[in-house]
Amino acid sequence: MEHNTPLISTIVAGLVLAFAFGVVAQRLKISPLVGYLLAGVVIGPFTPGYVADQKLANELAEIGVILLMFGVGLHFSLKDLLEVRAIAIPGAVVQIGAATMLGLGLGHALGWPFGAGLVFGLALSVASTVVLLRALQERRLIDSERGRIAVGWLIVEDIAMVLTLVLLPAVAGLLKGEANSADWQSVLWQVALTLGKVAAFMVFMLVVGRRIIPRMLHYVAHTGSRELFRLAVLAISLGVAFGAAILFDVSLALGAFFAGMILSESELSHRAANETLPLRDAFAVLFFVSVGMLVDPAIVVREPLPLIVTVLIIVFGKSIAAFLIVRLFGHPNMTALTISASLAQIGEFSFILAGLGVALGLMPERGRDLVLAGAIISIMLNPLMFVLLDRFSAKVAAAAEAAKQAAKLAAAAAAPPPPRGHIVLVGYGRVGSNVGTVLRCAGVDLVVIENDDERVMRLQRESVTAINGNAAAQEILDEADVAHARGLVVAIPNAFESGQIVGKARAVNPGLLIVARAHSAEEVAHLKSNGANLVIMGEDEIARAMIAKLGFDAASSDAATSAIAINSATAPASAGAAA
């Protein structure tokens, strides 16, 4: 039995080497995509040793492209795009145009025709979805404003590249200069026919597919079979892509993209993405391996200057254009730098476009080699861009914090000195308001702490210093400047909370005179143990007032005072609860 079949050996060699090189890349803190591409270089025809079957690798890569585009469609969110459309749409269009012009310039310098330079520039203009999303996820930026702009920008780029892949075959003859004036009508007819087929497919998917595909998926989900659900998602992605190519003569990539986009509107989209992720990742790896097989490492020696310029266009040309566009729209530097770093690489769409350009005879293989080598180098450099961005962000944050502290110190130095010898009154209810009225009439410098908004606003309107908050919080006591007060009156009825306030105030100001209120002897003892100088119990004061009305001087009689204290201690704790 023959075991060394081309299909099996290509898959095994590709996956094993991709795993080995991917682990090394991960250890070196660069994207595993670089490892996958290098694995393809190793088993490609330009390096010694085993050479995988290029034709089979390309066919496997087609499945990888279908599943990659299906994944892009699953993550496509029209809502997210509309939220940032004001910058993502014009920004992506202008950035694609700038990168394409730079690529055209390099192509012209290398003596290529216009069509070759155009395809080359377009291939350099679009960033890798995989690399960008992974970089944003690692820094938890996906849900930030910067992340949403970057993802929206990427969606616009992806849509532009999908349209390019659809239209490029129709205008290939025109771009190669093969169409004369008599052929213009046929070229325009071919473009119109292609756009018509795409429009028909889109209408079919939006009218028919939008109804059938989600219902089919929901039916399978309710069967409870995870295996059938996974198979249904794969059948939809591959079936729609193949049907689009056969029935509507559009690309497999576009069909897969629309299948994913239709499914993204279903609540089962996240489950669909998770269920197909292993197979999608496996074929995506084979796609990158097949791309790596096309790379001729000798280009580094053979074409050093064009390669350097290509990398500069990808890493700096696109980034500078994106930075200027984002700043032009009024966004801060950090947002502009994040978008620039995110777009400073190229990936899967660049590979597909370069391959299509070579297949159509538009771009020389030399151009594809530059695109592929530039992609590998830019993906390797992209983590470094984010490291520099993180360091710059840390410096900006540190500078902002230092400026904030300096401003706080300057404000403290410019502020008037805190009041000396004031009295802090906690609580402005029935008891506190009476105390406050007497103190205000006596001309005492008073600071009130109250957690009732209306009372605080009323006091502030009456030109009384009033602080809204809970006095048990240390920052509230600090704001009332308890450290420099000569007295503290705790007029709230809650003895437990009063004990906290008294203890914290005593710790801040050991010489502070503290007066509190209580309803029982136990509360009196609790407050005094926390540092209160004097604790007033309502029942005692009522008893003394009644005795005084009878003509006796209870305050001057030690026996009477002791009797009142004994009776209060033996009375039920709830006796004066209403006082």
Protein backbone atom coordinates (compact mmCIF):
# COMPACT_ATOMS: atom_id res chain seq x y z
CA MET A 1 0.00 0.00 0.00
CA GLU A 2 1.38 3.41 -0.98
CA HIS A 3 1.59 5.70 2.05
CA ASN A 4 3.58 8.57 0.55
CA THR A 5 0.67 10.12 -1.32
CA PRO A 6 1.15 13.75 -2.44
CA LEU A 7 -2.00 14.99 -0.68
CA ILE A 8 -1.19 13.43 2.69
CA SER A 9 2.49 14.34 2.56
CA THR A 10 1.69 17.96 1.65
CA ILE A 11 -0.81 18.30 4.50
CA VAL A 12 1.42 16.55 7.05
CA ALA A 13 4.60 18.40 6.09
CA GLY A 14 2.78 21.73 6.00
CA LEU A 15 1.06 21.33 9.36
CA VAL A 16 4.04 19.82 11.20
CA LEU A 17 6.51 22.45 10.00
CA ALA A 18 3.93 25.22 10.54
CA PHE A 19 3.52 24.05 14.13
CA ALA A 20 7.29 23.92 14.72
CA PHE A 21 8.00 27.33 13.21
CA GLY A 22 4.86 28.81 14.79
CA VAL A 23 6.05 27.78 18.27
CA VAL A 24 9.45 29.37 17.61
CA ALA A 25 7.79 32.57 16.38
CA GLN A 26 5.56 32.68 19.46
CA ARG A 27 8.61 32.29 21.71
CA LEU A 28 10.27 35.18 19.90
CA LYS A 29 7.17 37.35 20.58
CA ILE A 30 6.25 37.68 16.90
CA SER A 31 3.12 36.56 15.09
CA PRO A 32 2.84 32.80 14.42
CA LEU A 33 1.89 33.78 10.85
CA VAL A 34 5.58 34.38 10.25
CA GLY A 35 6.27 30.80 11.29
CA TYR A 36 3.60 29.48 8.92
CA LEU A 37 5.03 31.46 6.02
CA LEU A 38 8.57 30.26 6.79
CA ALA A 39 7.32 26.68 6.90
CA GLY A 40 6.08 27.18 3.34
CA VAL A 41 9.47 28.59 2.33
CA VAL A 42 11.17 25.44 3.70
CA ILE A 43 8.99 23.02 1.71
CA GLY A 44 8.87 25.30 -1.35
CA PRO A 45 10.75 24.82 -4.61
CA PHE A 46 13.31 27.55 -3.85
CA THR A 47 14.93 25.76 -0.90
CA PRO A 48 16.77 22.40 -0.83
CA GLY A 49 15.18 19.23 0.52
CA TYR A 50 11.58 18.07 0.39
CA VAL A 51 9.31 19.98 -2.01
CA ALA A 52 5.56 19.76 -1.47
CA ASP A 53 3.08 19.47 -4.33
CA GLN A 54 2.45 23.08 -5.34
CA LYS A 55 -0.81 22.36 -7.18
CA LEU A 56 -2.31 20.47 -4.24
CA ALA A 57 -1.11 23.16 -1.85
CA ASN A 58 -2.88 25.80 -3.93
CA GLU A 59 -6.12 23.81 -3.91
CA LEU A 60 -5.91 23.41 -0.14
CA ALA A 61 -5.20 27.12 0.06
CA GLU A 62 -8.45 27.79 -1.83
CA ILE A 63 -10.34 26.10 1.01
CA GLY A 64 -8.32 28.22 3.41
CA VAL A 65 -9.32 31.37 1.51
CA ILE A 66 -12.99 30.36 1.60
CA LEU A 67 -12.92 29.75 5.36
CA LEU A 68 -10.88 32.90 6.00
CA MET A 69 -13.36 35.03 4.07
CA PHE A 70 -16.26 33.26 5.80
CA GLY A 71 -14.67 34.22 9.13
CA VAL A 72 -14.27 37.83 7.96
CA GLY A 73 -17.96 37.88 7.06
CA LEU A 74 -18.93 36.41 10.44
CA HIS A 75 -17.11 39.25 12.19
CA PHE A 76 -18.49 41.89 9.83
CA SER A 77 -20.78 44.22 11.74
CA LEU A 78 -22.60 46.90 9.80
CA LYS A 79 -23.56 48.52 13.12
CA ASP A 80 -19.92 48.82 14.23
CA LEU A 81 -18.98 50.23 10.83
CA LEU A 82 -21.76 52.83 10.93
CA GLU A 83 -20.64 54.00 14.40
CA VAL A 84 -17.22 55.01 13.05
CA ARG A 85 -18.18 55.61 9.41
CA ALA A 86 -17.29 59.30 9.61
CA ILE A 87 -13.58 58.45 9.88
CA ALA A 88 -13.30 54.77 8.86
CA ILE A 89 -14.75 55.13 5.34
CA PRO A 90 -12.91 58.27 4.11
CA GLY A 91 -9.80 57.33 6.10
CA ALA A 92 -9.54 53.84 4.62
CA VAL A 93 -10.25 55.09 1.09
CA VAL A 94 -7.61 57.84 1.29
CA GLN A 95 -5.07 55.50 2.91
CA ILE A 96 -5.63 52.86 0.21
CA GLY A 97 -5.18 55.56 -2.41
CA ALA A 98 -1.95 56.84 -0.80
CA ALA A 99 -0.43 53.35 -0.50
CA THR A 100 -1.48 52.49 -4.06
CA MET A 101 0.19 55.65 -5.39
CA LEU A 102 3.40 54.77 -3.53
CA GLY A 103 3.28 51.26 -5.01
CA LEU A 104 2.66 52.71 -8.45
CA GLY A 105 5.69 54.92 -8.00
CA LEU A 106 7.92 51.98 -7.08
CA GLY A 107 6.52 49.95 -9.99
CA HIS A 108 7.25 52.80 -12.38
CA ALA A 109 10.81 53.07 -11.04
CA LEU A 110 11.24 49.32 -11.67
CA GLY A 111 9.99 49.72 -15.25
CA TRP A 112 6.64 47.97 -14.80
CA PRO A 113 3.53 48.93 -16.79
CA PHE A 114 0.67 50.81 -15.15
CA GLY A 115 -1.44 47.67 -14.51
CA ALA A 116 1.41 45.91 -12.69
CA GLY A 117 2.09 48.98 -10.52
CA LEU A 118 -1.62 49.34 -9.72
CA VAL A 119 -2.01 45.74 -8.57
CA PHE A 120 1.27 45.97 -6.65
CA GLY A 121 0.15 49.17 -4.89
CA LEU A 122 -3.26 47.73 -4.03
CA ALA A 123 -1.58 44.63 -2.57
CA LEU A 124 0.50 46.88 -0.29
CA SER A 125 -2.49 48.94 0.84
CA VAL A 126 -4.53 46.42 2.83
CA ALA A 127 -3.65 45.14 6.32
CA SER A 128 -4.01 41.59 7.61
CA THR A 129 -7.26 40.93 9.47
CA VAL A 130 -5.66 38.15 11.53
CA VAL A 131 -2.64 40.20 12.62
CA LEU A 132 -4.62 43.35 13.42
CA LEU A 133 -7.34 41.63 15.47
CA ARG A 134 -4.77 39.59 17.40
CA ALA A 135 -2.73 42.71 18.27
CA LEU A 136 -5.83 44.58 19.46
CA GLN A 137 -7.09 41.61 21.49
CA GLU A 138 -3.75 41.21 23.26
CA ARG A 139 -3.97 44.85 24.43
CA ARG A 140 -7.72 44.73 25.19
CA LEU A 141 -8.39 47.51 22.69
CA ILE A 142 -11.17 45.86 20.68
CA ASP A 143 -13.95 47.59 22.66
CA SER A 144 -12.16 50.94 22.96
CA GLU A 145 -12.74 53.87 20.60
CA ARG A 146 -9.32 53.24 19.02
CA GLY A 147 -10.16 49.56 18.52
CA ARG A 148 -13.55 50.28 16.95
CA ILE A 149 -12.00 52.76 14.51
CA ALA A 150 -9.26 50.27 13.58
CA VAL A 151 -11.77 47.44 13.04
CA GLY A 152 -14.10 49.71 11.04
CA TRP A 153 -11.15 50.87 8.95
CA LEU A 154 -10.22 47.23 8.33
CA ILE A 155 -13.77 46.36 7.28
CA VAL A 156 -13.73 49.14 4.67
CA GLU A 157 -10.36 47.86 3.39
CA ASP A 158 -11.73 44.30 3.19
CA ILE A 159 -14.81 45.41 1.25
CA ALA A 160 -12.62 47.40 -1.15
CA MET A 161 -10.40 44.36 -1.73
CA VAL A 162 -13.40 42.07 -2.29
CA LEU A 163 -14.65 44.47 -4.98
CA THR A 164 -11.14 44.62 -6.45
CA LEU A 165 -10.96 40.82 -6.68
CA VAL A 166 -14.32 40.81 -8.46
CA LEU A 167 -13.52 43.57 -10.96
CA LEU A 168 -9.86 42.80 -11.68
CA PRO A 169 -10.48 39.91 -14.12
CA ALA A 170 -12.96 42.08 -16.04
CA VAL A 171 -10.51 44.94 -16.55
CA ALA A 172 -7.34 42.83 -16.89
CA GLY A 173 -7.18 43.31 -20.64
CA LEU A 174 -7.56 47.06 -20.32
CA LEU A 175 -4.84 47.28 -17.63
CA LYS A 176 -2.45 45.23 -19.76
CA GLY A 177 -2.95 47.67 -22.62
CA GLU A 178 -4.37 44.97 -24.87
CA ALA A 179 -7.69 46.78 -25.41
CA ASN A 180 -7.78 49.36 -28.19
CA SER A 181 -10.44 52.00 -28.74
CA ALA A 182 -12.70 49.47 -30.44
CA ASP A 183 -12.49 47.17 -27.45
CA TRP A 184 -13.56 49.79 -24.90
CA GLN A 185 -17.20 48.94 -25.42
CA SER A 186 -16.57 45.25 -24.79
CA VAL A 187 -14.49 46.05 -21.69
CA LEU A 188 -17.22 48.26 -20.29
CA TRP A 189 -19.76 45.56 -21.12
CA GLN A 190 -17.61 42.99 -19.31
CA VAL A 191 -17.37 45.25 -16.24
CA ALA A 192 -21.12 45.90 -16.29
CA LEU A 193 -21.79 42.18 -16.69
CA THR A 194 -19.52 41.35 -13.76
CA LEU A 195 -21.14 43.99 -11.55
CA GLY A 196 -24.55 42.70 -12.64
CA LYS A 197 -23.67 39.15 -11.60
CA VAL A 198 -22.37 40.39 -8.27
CA ALA A 199 -25.53 42.47 -7.75
CA ALA A 200 -27.71 39.47 -8.63
CA PHE A 201 -25.82 37.30 -6.16
CA MET A 202 -26.10 39.96 -3.44
CA VAL A 203 -29.85 40.32 -4.03
CA PHE A 204 -30.27 36.54 -3.96
CA MET A 205 -28.36 36.29 -0.66
CA LEU A 206 -30.19 39.21 0.95
CA VAL A 207 -33.64 38.06 -0.16
CA VAL A 208 -33.39 34.27 -0.18
CA GLY A 209 -30.26 33.42 1.80
CA ARG A 210 -31.18 35.80 4.61
CA ARG A 211 -34.36 33.80 5.21
CA ILE A 212 -33.20 30.26 4.55
CA ILE A 213 -29.69 30.12 6.05
CA PRO A 214 -30.50 31.35 9.61
CA ARG A 215 -33.64 29.17 9.75
CA MET A 216 -31.67 26.14 8.65
CA LEU A 217 -29.03 26.82 11.29
CA HIS A 218 -31.67 27.31 14.00
CA TYR A 219 -33.33 24.02 13.02
CA VAL A 220 -30.04 22.15 13.29
CA ALA A 221 -29.22 23.87 16.59
CA HIS A 222 -32.50 22.65 18.08
CA THR A 223 -31.66 19.04 17.22
CA GLY A 224 -29.04 19.25 19.99
CA SER A 225 -26.36 17.63 17.85
CA ARG A 226 -23.10 19.57 18.02
CA GLU A 227 -21.68 17.48 15.19
CA LEU A 228 -24.58 18.33 12.86
CA PHE A 229 -24.35 22.02 13.78
CA ARG A 230 -20.64 22.13 12.96
CA LEU A 231 -21.29 20.27 9.70
CA ALA A 232 -24.13 22.67 8.82
CA VAL A 233 -21.88 25.71 9.24
CA LEU A 234 -19.17 24.16 7.06
CA ALA A 235 -21.73 23.11 4.45
CA ILE A 236 -23.15 26.65 4.35
CA SER A 237 -19.76 28.33 4.02
CA LEU A 238 -18.34 25.98 1.39
CA GLY A 239 -21.67 25.39 -0.39
CA VAL A 240 -22.53 29.07 -0.79
CA ALA A 241 -19.00 29.87 -1.99
CA PHE A 242 -19.07 27.07 -4.56
CA GLY A 243 -22.63 27.87 -5.64
CA ALA A 244 -21.74 31.55 -6.09
CA ALA A 245 -18.86 30.57 -8.37
CA ILE A 246 -20.93 28.11 -10.43
CA LEU A 247 -24.28 29.92 -10.66
CA PHE A 248 -23.25 33.59 -10.60
CA ASP A 249 -19.66 33.35 -11.84
CA VAL A 250 -18.34 35.34 -8.86
CA SER A 251 -15.30 34.50 -6.78
CA LEU A 252 -15.29 31.86 -4.08
CA ALA A 253 -14.01 34.51 -1.67
CA LEU A 254 -16.99 36.80 -2.26
CA GLY A 255 -19.47 33.93 -1.87
CA ALA A 256 -17.88 32.89 1.43
CA PHE A 257 -17.82 36.50 2.66
CA PHE A 258 -21.55 36.92 2.02
CA ALA A 259 -22.34 33.56 3.66
CA GLY A 260 -20.54 34.72 6.80
CA MET A 261 -22.17 38.16 6.66
CA ILE A 262 -25.66 36.62 6.46
CA LEU A 263 -24.88 34.37 9.43
CA SER A 264 -23.45 37.29 11.43
CA GLU A 265 -26.99 38.67 11.81
CA SER A 266 -28.09 35.51 13.63
CA GLU A 267 -27.75 35.09 17.38
CA LEU A 268 -26.02 31.81 16.58
CA SER A 269 -23.15 33.59 14.81
CA HIS A 270 -20.79 33.40 17.79
CA ARG A 271 -21.46 29.70 18.18
CA ALA A 272 -20.95 29.19 14.45
CA ALA A 273 -17.63 31.03 14.63
CA ASN A 274 -16.48 28.95 17.61
CA GLU A 275 -17.56 25.61 16.11
CA THR A 276 -15.73 26.18 12.82
CA LEU A 277 -12.68 27.82 14.35
CA PRO A 278 -10.47 24.66 14.54
CA LEU A 279 -11.02 23.67 10.91
CA ARG A 280 -10.83 27.30 9.80
CA ASP A 281 -7.52 27.73 11.59
CA ALA A 282 -6.12 24.49 10.14
CA PHE A 283 -6.91 25.44 6.53
CA ALA A 284 -5.82 29.03 7.15
CA VAL A 285 -2.45 27.62 8.24
CA LEU A 286 -2.26 25.64 5.02
CA PHE A 287 -3.12 28.82 3.11
CA PHE A 288 -0.19 30.68 4.68
CA VAL A 289 2.08 27.68 4.09
CA SER A 290 1.11 27.62 0.40
CA VAL A 291 1.85 31.35 0.19
CA GLY A 292 5.25 30.77 1.78
CA MET A 293 6.00 28.15 -0.89
CA LEU A 294 5.87 30.96 -3.46
CA VAL A 295 8.53 33.03 -1.68
CA ASP A 296 12.01 32.97 -3.12
CA PRO A 297 14.39 33.79 -0.20
CA ALA A 298 17.03 34.84 -2.71
CA ILE A 299 15.04 38.02 -3.32
CA VAL A 300 16.67 39.47 -0.19
CA VAL A 301 20.02 39.29 -1.97
CA ARG A 302 18.76 39.72 -5.53
CA GLU A 303 16.45 42.71 -4.93
CA PRO A 304 17.63 44.38 -1.69
CA LEU A 305 16.77 47.97 -2.60
CA PRO A 306 13.25 47.31 -4.03
CA LEU A 307 12.52 45.10 -1.00
CA ILE A 308 13.60 47.83 1.43
CA VAL A 309 11.42 50.37 -0.36
CA THR A 310 8.50 47.90 -0.31
CA VAL A 311 8.86 47.42 3.45
CA LEU A 312 9.12 51.18 3.98
CA ILE A 313 5.88 51.70 2.04
CA ILE A 314 4.11 49.08 4.16
CA VAL A 315 5.49 50.05 7.56
CA PHE A 316 5.91 53.83 7.24
CA GLY A 317 4.11 55.03 4.10
CA LYS A 318 0.73 53.60 5.10
CA SER A 319 1.25 54.50 8.77
CA ILE A 320 2.09 58.15 8.10
CA ALA A 321 -0.92 58.50 5.79
CA ALA A 322 -3.21 56.91 8.41
CA PHE A 323 -1.77 59.10 11.20
CA LEU A 324 -2.33 62.31 9.25
CA ILE A 325 -5.87 61.31 8.30
CA VAL A 326 -6.88 60.46 11.88
CA ARG A 327 -5.36 63.68 13.23
CA LEU A 328 -7.10 65.63 10.46
CA PHE A 329 -10.41 64.33 11.79
CA GLY A 330 -9.60 65.72 15.23
CA HIS A 331 -8.74 62.51 17.08
CA PRO A 332 -5.92 62.52 19.66
CA ASN A 333 -2.37 61.37 18.99
CA MET A 334 -2.79 58.03 20.78
CA THR A 335 -5.74 57.09 18.56
CA ALA A 336 -3.81 58.08 15.44
CA LEU A 337 -0.73 56.12 16.55
CA THR A 338 -2.82 53.03 17.35
CA ILE A 339 -4.42 53.07 13.89
CA SER A 340 -0.99 53.60 12.30
CA ALA A 341 0.59 50.67 14.16
CA SER A 342 -2.41 48.44 13.37
CA LEU A 343 -2.12 49.06 9.63
CA ALA A 344 1.68 48.78 9.38
CA GLN A 345 1.58 45.26 7.87
CA ILE A 346 -0.03 43.32 5.05
CA GLY A 347 -1.45 39.81 4.96
CA GLU A 348 -3.99 37.45 3.46
CA PHE A 349 -5.73 39.82 1.01
CA SER A 350 -2.34 40.96 -0.29
CA PHE A 351 -1.41 37.33 -1.01
CA ILE A 352 -4.69 36.66 -2.80
CA LEU A 353 -4.46 39.85 -4.84
CA ALA A 354 -0.81 39.27 -5.77
CA GLY A 355 -1.58 35.71 -6.82
CA LEU A 356 -4.52 36.85 -8.93
CA GLY A 357 -2.38 39.57 -10.52
CA VAL A 358 0.25 37.04 -11.57
CA ALA A 359 -2.41 34.58 -12.81
CA LEU A 360 -3.98 37.29 -14.98
CA GLY A 361 -0.61 38.30 -16.35
CA LEU A 362 -0.91 41.78 -14.84
CA MET A 363 2.01 41.63 -12.42
CA PRO A 364 5.37 39.91 -12.83
CA GLU A 365 6.40 37.18 -10.42
CA ARG A 366 9.06 39.61 -9.22
CA GLY A 367 6.26 41.81 -7.88
CA ARG A 368 4.62 38.88 -6.10
CA ASP A 369 7.96 37.99 -4.51
CA LEU A 370 8.31 41.56 -3.23
CA VAL A 371 4.76 41.49 -1.82
CA LEU A 372 5.30 38.15 -0.06
CA ALA A 373 8.72 39.05 1.34
CA GLY A 374 7.40 42.47 2.42
CA ALA A 375 4.48 40.78 4.16
CA ILE A 376 6.75 38.46 6.16
CA ILE A 377 9.05 41.30 7.21
CA SER A 378 6.17 43.67 8.07
CA ILE A 379 4.40 41.02 10.17
CA MET A 380 7.69 40.41 12.01
CA LEU A 381 8.12 44.16 12.64
CA ASN A 382 4.50 44.80 13.68
CA PRO A 383 4.91 43.64 17.33
CA LEU A 384 7.87 46.02 17.60
CA MET A 385 5.59 48.87 16.46
CA PHE A 386 3.15 48.06 19.24
CA VAL A 387 5.97 47.78 21.82
CA LEU A 388 7.10 51.28 20.87
CA LEU A 389 3.48 52.45 21.03
CA ASP A 390 3.05 50.92 24.51
CA ARG A 391 6.21 52.64 25.75
CA PHE A 392 5.12 55.96 24.30
CA SER A 393 1.67 55.51 25.84
CA ALA A 394 3.24 54.82 29.25
CA LYS A 395 5.37 57.97 28.97
CA VAL A 396 2.34 60.05 27.97
CA ALA A 397 0.34 58.64 30.89
CA ALA A 398 3.20 59.32 33.32
CA ALA A 399 3.57 62.88 32.02
CA ALA A 400 -0.19 63.45 32.35
CA GLU A 401 -0.17 62.12 35.91
CA ALA A 402 2.81 64.33 36.81
CA ALA A 403 1.03 67.35 35.33
CA LYS A 404 -2.11 66.47 37.27
CA GLN A 405 -0.17 66.21 40.54
CA ALA A 406 1.65 69.49 39.83
CA ALA A 407 -1.67 71.20 39.15
CA LYS A 408 -3.08 69.80 42.36
CA LEU A 409 -0.08 71.06 44.36
CA ALA A 410 -0.28 74.46 42.67
CA ALA A 411 -3.99 74.70 43.47
CA ALA A 412 -3.32 73.74 47.08
CA ALA A 413 -0.58 76.38 47.32
CA ALA A 414 -2.81 79.05 45.79
CA ALA A 415 -5.83 78.16 47.94
CA PRO A 416 -6.51 80.21 51.08
CA PRO A 417 -5.32 78.65 54.36
CA PRO A 418 -7.79 76.28 56.01
CA PRO A 419 -10.06 77.74 58.72
CA ARG A 420 -8.76 77.55 62.28
CA GLY A 421 -10.89 76.99 65.35
CA HIS A 422 -14.13 76.10 63.52
CA ILE A 423 -16.74 73.62 64.71
CA VAL A 424 -17.76 70.63 62.61
CA LEU A 425 -21.41 69.60 62.92
CA VAL A 426 -22.32 66.13 61.65
CA GLY A 427 -26.00 65.83 60.80
CA TYR A 428 -28.49 68.67 60.28
CA GLY A 429 -31.74 66.95 61.21
CA ARG A 430 -34.03 67.78 64.15
CA VAL A 431 -31.20 67.90 66.69
CA GLY A 432 -28.41 69.10 64.41
CA SER A 433 -30.43 71.98 62.96
CA ASN A 434 -31.15 73.33 66.47
CA VAL A 435 -27.48 73.11 67.40
CA GLY A 436 -26.49 74.74 64.13
CA THR A 437 -28.95 77.61 64.52
CA VAL A 438 -27.53 78.51 67.95
CA LEU A 439 -23.93 78.28 66.72
CA ARG A 440 -24.67 80.41 63.67
CA CYS A 441 -26.38 83.05 65.82
CA ALA A 442 -23.33 83.07 68.06
CA GLY A 443 -21.13 83.83 65.03
CA VAL A 444 -19.22 80.55 65.24
CA ASP A 445 -17.33 79.41 62.14
CA LEU A 446 -19.39 76.33 61.27
CA VAL A 447 -18.83 73.44 58.85
CA VAL A 448 -21.78 71.04 58.37
CA ILE A 449 -21.51 67.47 57.08
CA GLU A 450 -24.85 66.15 55.80
CA ASN A 451 -25.81 63.45 53.30
CA ASP A 452 -29.19 64.95 52.37
CA ASP A 453 -28.86 66.83 49.06
CA GLU A 454 -31.67 69.31 49.71
CA ARG A 455 -30.37 70.27 53.16
CA VAL A 456 -26.86 70.76 51.79
CA MET A 457 -28.08 73.00 48.96
CA ARG A 458 -30.23 75.02 51.37
CA LEU A 459 -27.29 75.57 53.73
CA GLN A 460 -25.03 76.55 50.85
CA ARG A 461 -27.61 79.08 49.68
CA GLU A 462 -27.52 80.49 53.21
CA SER A 463 -23.72 80.87 52.93
CA VAL A 464 -23.01 78.02 55.35
CA THR A 465 -20.09 75.72 54.52
CA ALA A 466 -21.84 72.40 53.92
CA ILE A 467 -20.30 69.16 52.66
CA ASN A 468 -22.42 66.45 51.05
CA GLY A 469 -21.31 62.97 52.14
CA ASN A 470 -20.93 60.40 54.90
CA ALA A 471 -18.77 61.66 57.75
CA ALA A 472 -17.59 58.10 58.43
CA ALA A 473 -15.48 58.41 55.27
CA GLN A 474 -12.00 59.72 56.01
CA GLU A 475 -11.91 61.93 52.91
CA ILE A 476 -15.08 63.75 54.07
CA LEU A 477 -13.55 64.44 57.49
CA ASP A 478 -10.41 65.67 55.74
CA GLU A 479 -12.47 67.97 53.55
CA ALA A 480 -14.11 69.40 56.70
CA ASP A 481 -10.58 69.97 58.05
CA VAL A 482 -11.22 68.18 61.36
CA ALA A 483 -7.48 68.38 62.05
CA HIS A 484 -7.78 72.15 62.62
CA ALA A 485 -11.24 72.25 64.25
CA ARG A 486 -11.81 73.12 67.92
CA GLY A 487 -14.99 71.13 68.28
CA LEU A 488 -16.98 68.28 66.73
CA VAL A 489 -20.70 67.78 67.32
CA VAL A 490 -22.05 64.40 66.17
CA ALA A 491 -25.82 64.90 66.01
CA ILE A 492 -26.83 61.79 64.06
CA PRO A 493 -28.88 59.11 65.92
CA ASN A 494 -26.93 56.07 64.71
CA ALA A 495 -24.49 55.25 67.53
CA PHE A 496 -22.49 52.71 65.53
CA GLU A 497 -21.80 55.19 62.74
CA SER A 498 -21.19 57.92 65.31
CA GLY A 499 -18.56 55.73 66.95
CA GLN A 500 -16.71 55.41 63.64
CA ILE A 501 -16.80 59.19 63.13
CA VAL A 502 -15.62 59.88 66.67
CA GLY A 503 -12.76 57.37 66.45
CA LYS A 504 -11.46 58.72 63.13
CA ALA A 505 -11.77 62.35 64.26
CA ARG A 506 -9.93 61.61 67.50
CA ALA A 507 -7.10 59.94 65.57
CA VAL A 508 -6.71 63.03 63.37
CA ASN A 509 -7.02 65.62 66.16
CA PRO A 510 -6.20 64.27 69.66
CA GLY A 511 -7.09 67.60 71.33
CA LEU A 512 -10.50 67.94 69.67
CA LEU A 513 -13.58 68.52 71.89
CA ILE A 514 -16.14 65.93 70.75
CA VAL A 515 -19.80 65.98 71.76
CA ALA A 516 -22.15 63.19 70.63
CA ARG A 517 -25.69 61.98 71.28
CA ALA A 518 -26.92 58.56 72.42
CA HIS A 519 -30.14 56.72 73.35
CA SER A 520 -28.86 54.27 75.95
CA ALA A 521 -26.14 53.77 78.49
CA GLU A 522 -24.51 51.18 76.24
CA GLU A 523 -24.30 53.74 73.44
CA VAL A 524 -22.85 56.26 75.86
CA ALA A 525 -20.13 53.81 76.84
CA HIS A 526 -19.46 52.91 73.19
CA LEU A 527 -19.04 56.54 72.13
CA LYS A 528 -16.84 57.42 75.06
CA SER A 529 -14.63 54.41 74.42
CA ASN A 530 -14.07 55.73 70.89
CA GLY A 531 -12.96 59.14 72.18
CA ALA A 532 -16.02 61.32 72.78
CA ASN A 533 -15.55 63.89 75.55
CA LEU A 534 -19.24 64.31 76.28
CA VAL A 535 -22.20 62.13 75.30
CA ILE A 536 -25.71 63.55 75.68
CA MET A 537 -28.54 61.08 76.23
CA GLY A 538 -31.97 62.55 75.54
CA GLU A 539 -33.76 60.82 78.43
CA ASP A 540 -31.31 62.27 80.97
CA GLU A 541 -31.81 65.81 79.67
CA ILE A 542 -35.62 65.45 79.71
CA ALA A 543 -35.52 64.17 83.28
CA ARG A 544 -33.31 67.08 84.40
CA ALA A 545 -35.60 69.59 82.68
CA MET A 546 -38.69 68.12 84.40
CA ILE A 547 -36.96 68.17 87.80
CA ALA A 548 -35.94 71.78 87.23
CA LYS A 549 -39.57 72.69 86.42
CA LEU A 550 -40.58 71.26 89.80
CA GLY A 551 -38.21 73.68 91.48
CA PHE A 552 -35.35 71.34 92.21
CA ASP A 553 -31.81 71.89 90.97
CA ALA A 554 -31.00 68.44 89.62
CA ALA A 555 -27.71 69.57 88.12
CA SER A 556 -26.30 70.58 91.51
CA SER A 557 -27.44 67.48 93.35
CA ASP A 558 -24.99 64.62 93.19
CA ALA A 559 -27.56 62.22 94.53
CA ALA A 560 -30.12 63.22 91.92
CA THR A 561 -27.57 62.96 89.11
CA SER A 562 -26.53 59.49 90.24
CA ALA A 563 -30.14 58.37 90.49
CA ILE A 564 -30.88 59.52 86.95
CA ALA A 565 -27.80 57.71 85.65
CA ILE A 566 -28.76 54.49 87.51
CA ASN A 567 -32.35 54.61 86.21
CA SER A 568 -31.13 55.22 82.66
CA ALA A 569 -28.76 52.27 82.87
CA THR A 570 -31.48 49.88 84.09
CA ALA A 571 -34.20 51.14 81.71
CA PRO A 572 -34.91 49.24 78.44
CA ALA A 573 -32.76 50.42 75.57
CA SER A 574 -35.85 51.24 73.53
CA ALA A 575 -37.34 53.55 76.15
CA GLY A 576 -36.09 56.70 74.52
CA ALA A 577 -36.04 55.58 70.94
CA ALA A 578 -38.58 58.17 69.93
CA ALA A 579 -36.79 61.08 71.58
